[in-house]
Amino acid sequence: MRKNRRMAQRLNIPLRVQYQLLDGRKIRVENTAQDVSGTGYRLLLGSPLHKGQKLKTLLYFSSDKQPVTAISEVVWSKKVLKEGKTFYSVGLKHIEVLPKDKQRFVFLFCEMMVNYFVL
């Protein structure tokens, strides 16, 4: 039996995310995060990311027009088959939420949790 190493409750709420690799490439990708928590999230991608890669991420909460900017790191990545196509399920953790966004991130995430569990 596999031990669950998660440190935080995951929410099954889609969260719009844009990311850009911090390796100098100018590629910006938009996706929907799954299994969202205050410490990270999961993405399902068409191309792989590798453990240890760092990304600049913009997190778009539905109740706020401005994204929260964070630096995230790939902690795991695995190939998955879905409907006959190959995808990559990638787990990311927040390394740093930019100082200007920290308080707002906590507020928005708590608001999202209340809506998920209470409403």
C-alpha atoms as a PDB file:
ATOM      1  CA  MET A   1       0.000   0.000   0.000  1.00  0.00           C
ATOM      2  CA  ARG A   2       1.357   3.385  -1.020  1.00  0.00           C
ATOM      3  CA  LYS A   3       1.712   5.991   1.696  1.00  0.00           C
ATOM      4  CA  ASN A   4       0.031   9.325   0.983  1.00  0.00           C
ATOM      5  CA  ARG A   5       2.774  11.932   1.419  1.00  0.00           C
ATOM      6  CA  ARG A   6       0.514  14.915   0.860  1.00  0.00           C
ATOM      7  CA  MET A   7       0.851  17.590   3.487  1.00  0.00           C
ATOM      8  CA  ALA A   8      -2.368  19.436   2.600  1.00  0.00           C
ATOM      9  CA  GLN A   9      -5.960  18.710   1.637  1.00  0.00           C
ATOM     10  CA  ARG A  10      -6.524  18.677  -2.140  1.00  0.00           C
ATOM     11  CA  LEU A  11      -9.516  20.360  -3.709  1.00  0.00           C
ATOM     12  CA  ASN A  12     -11.127  19.057  -6.864  1.00  0.00           C
ATOM     13  CA  ILE A  13     -11.628  22.572  -8.223  1.00  0.00           C
ATOM     14  CA  PRO A  14     -10.278  23.659 -11.604  1.00  0.00           C
ATOM     15  CA  LEU A  15      -7.866  26.568 -11.332  1.00  0.00           C
ATOM     16  CA  ARG A  16      -6.638  28.369 -14.441  1.00  0.00           C
ATOM     17  CA  VAL A  17      -2.849  28.503 -14.564  1.00  0.00           C
ATOM     18  CA  GLN A  18      -0.364  30.050 -16.961  1.00  0.00           C
ATOM     19  CA  TYR A  19       3.258  29.023 -16.697  1.00  0.00           C
ATOM     20  CA  GLN A  20       6.597  29.786 -18.227  1.00  0.00           C
ATOM     21  CA  LEU A  21       9.755  27.740 -17.738  1.00  0.00           C
ATOM     22  CA  LEU A  22      12.555  29.592 -15.985  1.00  0.00           C
ATOM     23  CA  ASP A  23      15.182  28.200 -18.345  1.00  0.00           C
ATOM     24  CA  GLY A  24      15.097  31.191 -20.688  1.00  0.00           C
ATOM     25  CA  ARG A  25      12.539  29.893 -23.187  1.00  0.00           C
ATOM     26  CA  LYS A  26       9.757  32.361 -23.919  1.00  0.00           C
ATOM     27  CA  ILE A  27       7.021  29.737 -24.100  1.00  0.00           C
ATOM     28  CA  ARG A  28       3.918  30.557 -22.051  1.00  0.00           C
ATOM     29  CA  VAL A  29       1.378  27.786 -21.613  1.00  0.00           C
ATOM     30  CA  GLU A  30      -2.145  27.979 -20.224  1.00  0.00           C
ATOM     31  CA  ASN A  31      -3.736  24.998 -18.518  1.00  0.00           C
ATOM     32  CA  THR A  32      -6.187  24.037 -15.785  1.00  0.00           C
ATOM     33  CA  ALA A  33      -4.740  22.824 -12.505  1.00  0.00           C
ATOM     34  CA  GLN A  34      -6.302  19.854 -10.712  1.00  0.00           C
ATOM     35  CA  ASP A  35      -5.928  18.563  -7.155  1.00  0.00           C
ATOM     36  CA  VAL A  36      -5.273  22.098  -5.947  1.00  0.00           C
ATOM     37  CA  SER A  37      -3.916  22.794  -2.462  1.00  0.00           C
ATOM     38  CA  GLY A  38      -2.244  25.682  -0.694  1.00  0.00           C
ATOM     39  CA  THR A  39       1.120  24.066  -1.392  1.00  0.00           C
ATOM     40  CA  GLY A  40       0.748  22.888  -4.990  1.00  0.00           C
ATOM     41  CA  TYR A  41      -1.327  21.333  -7.747  1.00  0.00           C
ATOM     42  CA  ARG A  42      -1.335  18.869 -10.625  1.00  0.00           C
ATOM     43  CA  LEU A  43      -1.377  19.575 -14.363  1.00  0.00           C
ATOM     44  CA  LEU A  44      -2.220  17.259 -17.263  1.00  0.00           C
ATOM     45  CA  LEU A  45       0.022  18.262 -20.168  1.00  0.00           C
ATOM     46  CA  GLY A  46       0.624  17.266 -23.767  1.00  0.00           C
ATOM     47  CA  SER A  47       4.399  17.474 -23.369  1.00  0.00           C
ATOM     48  CA  PRO A  48       6.590  16.459 -20.436  1.00  0.00           C
ATOM     49  CA  LEU A  49       8.093  18.540 -17.679  1.00  0.00           C
ATOM     50  CA  HIS A  50      10.875  17.016 -15.612  1.00  0.00           C
ATOM     51  CA  LYS A  51      11.446  16.719 -11.887  1.00  0.00           C
ATOM     52  CA  GLY A  52      13.304  19.762 -10.600  1.00  0.00           C
ATOM     53  CA  GLN A  53      12.274  22.142 -13.400  1.00  0.00           C
ATOM     54  CA  LYS A  54      11.196  25.544 -12.119  1.00  0.00           C
ATOM     55  CA  LEU A  55       8.380  27.631 -13.543  1.00  0.00           C
ATOM     56  CA  LYS A  56       6.951  31.090 -13.129  1.00  0.00           C
ATOM     57  CA  THR A  57       3.230  30.514 -12.621  1.00  0.00           C
ATOM     58  CA  LEU A  58       0.220  32.804 -12.726  1.00  0.00           C
ATOM     59  CA  LEU A  59      -2.745  31.429 -10.743  1.00  0.00           C
ATOM     60  CA  TYR A  60      -6.166  32.813 -11.679  1.00  0.00           C
ATOM     61  CA  PHE A  61      -8.775  32.554  -8.925  1.00  0.00           C
ATOM     62  CA  SER A  62     -12.349  33.026 -10.142  1.00  0.00           C
ATOM     63  CA  SER A  63     -13.110  35.694  -7.529  1.00  0.00           C
ATOM     64  CA  ASP A  64     -10.187  37.986  -8.479  1.00  0.00           C
ATOM     65  CA  LYS A  65      -9.183  39.551 -11.803  1.00  0.00           C
ATOM     66  CA  GLN A  66      -5.465  39.733 -11.003  1.00  0.00           C
ATOM     67  CA  PRO A  67      -3.413  36.517 -11.014  1.00  0.00           C
ATOM     68  CA  VAL A  68      -1.230  35.434  -8.116  1.00  0.00           C
ATOM     69  CA  THR A  69       2.390  35.064  -9.223  1.00  0.00           C
ATOM     70  CA  ALA A  70       4.438  32.188  -7.835  1.00  0.00           C
ATOM     71  CA  ILE A  71       7.553  30.186  -8.533  1.00  0.00           C
ATOM     72  CA  SER A  72       6.774  26.462  -8.688  1.00  0.00           C
ATOM     73  CA  GLU A  73       8.891  23.331  -9.000  1.00  0.00           C
ATOM     74  CA  VAL A  74       8.083  20.006 -10.657  1.00  0.00           C
ATOM     75  CA  VAL A  75       8.171  17.333  -7.926  1.00  0.00           C
ATOM     76  CA  TRP A  76       6.999  14.407 -10.049  1.00  0.00           C
ATOM     77  CA  SER A  77       5.983  13.635 -13.615  1.00  0.00           C
ATOM     78  CA  LYS A  78       4.535  10.497 -15.177  1.00  0.00           C
ATOM     79  CA  LYS A  79       3.282   9.490 -18.578  1.00  0.00           C
ATOM     80  CA  VAL A  80      -0.408   8.563 -18.749  1.00  0.00           C
ATOM     81  CA  LEU A  81      -2.655   7.259 -21.499  1.00  0.00           C
ATOM     82  CA  LYS A  82      -6.043   8.900 -21.732  1.00  0.00           C
ATOM     83  CA  GLU A  83      -8.529   8.151 -24.502  1.00  0.00           C
ATOM     84  CA  GLY A  84      -5.758   6.598 -26.592  1.00  0.00           C
ATOM     85  CA  LYS A  85      -3.485   9.648 -26.335  1.00  0.00           C
ATOM     86  CA  THR A  86      -0.302  10.201 -24.342  1.00  0.00           C
ATOM     87  CA  PHE A  87      -0.323  12.916 -21.685  1.00  0.00           C
ATOM     88  CA  TYR A  88       1.909  13.796 -18.771  1.00  0.00           C
ATOM     89  CA  SER A  89       0.545  14.162 -15.270  1.00  0.00           C
ATOM     90  CA  VAL A  90       2.814  16.606 -13.445  1.00  0.00           C
ATOM     91  CA  GLY A  91       2.847  17.527  -9.754  1.00  0.00           C
ATOM     92  CA  LEU A  92       4.063  20.995  -8.828  1.00  0.00           C
ATOM     93  CA  LYS A  93       4.748  22.640  -5.496  1.00  0.00           C
ATOM     94  CA  HIS A  94       4.903  26.343  -4.763  1.00  0.00           C
ATOM     95  CA  ILE A  95       8.446  27.326  -3.847  1.00  0.00           C
ATOM     96  CA  GLU A  96       7.603  30.976  -3.403  1.00  0.00           C
ATOM     97  CA  VAL A  97       4.567  33.171  -3.779  1.00  0.00           C
ATOM     98  CA  LEU A  98       5.773  36.646  -4.716  1.00  0.00           C
ATOM     99  CA  PRO A  99       5.718  38.953  -1.671  1.00  0.00           C
ATOM    100  CA  LYS A 100       3.207  41.330  -3.293  1.00  0.00           C
ATOM    101  CA  ASP A 101       0.757  38.411  -3.678  1.00  0.00           C
ATOM    102  CA  LYS A 102       1.225  36.386  -0.456  1.00  0.00           C
ATOM    103  CA  GLN A 103      -1.592  37.860   1.601  1.00  0.00           C
ATOM    104  CA  ARG A 104      -3.995  37.833  -1.362  1.00  0.00           C
ATOM    105  CA  PHE A 105      -3.067  34.209  -2.158  1.00  0.00           C
ATOM    106  CA  VAL A 106      -3.914  33.106   1.388  1.00  0.00           C
ATOM    107  CA  PHE A 107      -7.212  34.987   1.285  1.00  0.00           C
ATOM    108  CA  LEU A 108      -8.210  33.680  -2.161  1.00  0.00           C
ATOM    109  CA  PHE A 109      -7.249  30.102  -1.369  1.00  0.00           C
ATOM    110  CA  CYS A 110      -9.148  30.177   1.947  1.00  0.00           C
ATOM    111  CA  GLU A 111     -12.168  31.641   0.160  1.00  0.00           C
ATOM    112  CA  MET A 112     -11.965  28.829  -2.406  1.00  0.00           C
ATOM    113  CA  MET A 113     -11.807  26.232   0.408  1.00  0.00           C
ATOM    114  CA  VAL A 114     -14.840  27.697   2.177  1.00  0.00           C
ATOM    115  CA  ASN A 115     -16.829  27.632  -1.063  1.00  0.00           C
ATOM    116  CA  TYR A 116     -15.762  24.035  -1.703  1.00  0.00           C
ATOM    117  CA  PHE A 117     -16.480  22.630   1.773  1.00  0.00           C
ATOM    118  CA  VAL A 118     -19.352  24.806   3.024  1.00  0.00           C
ATOM    119  CA  LEU A 119     -21.371  26.124   0.108  1.00  0.00           C
END
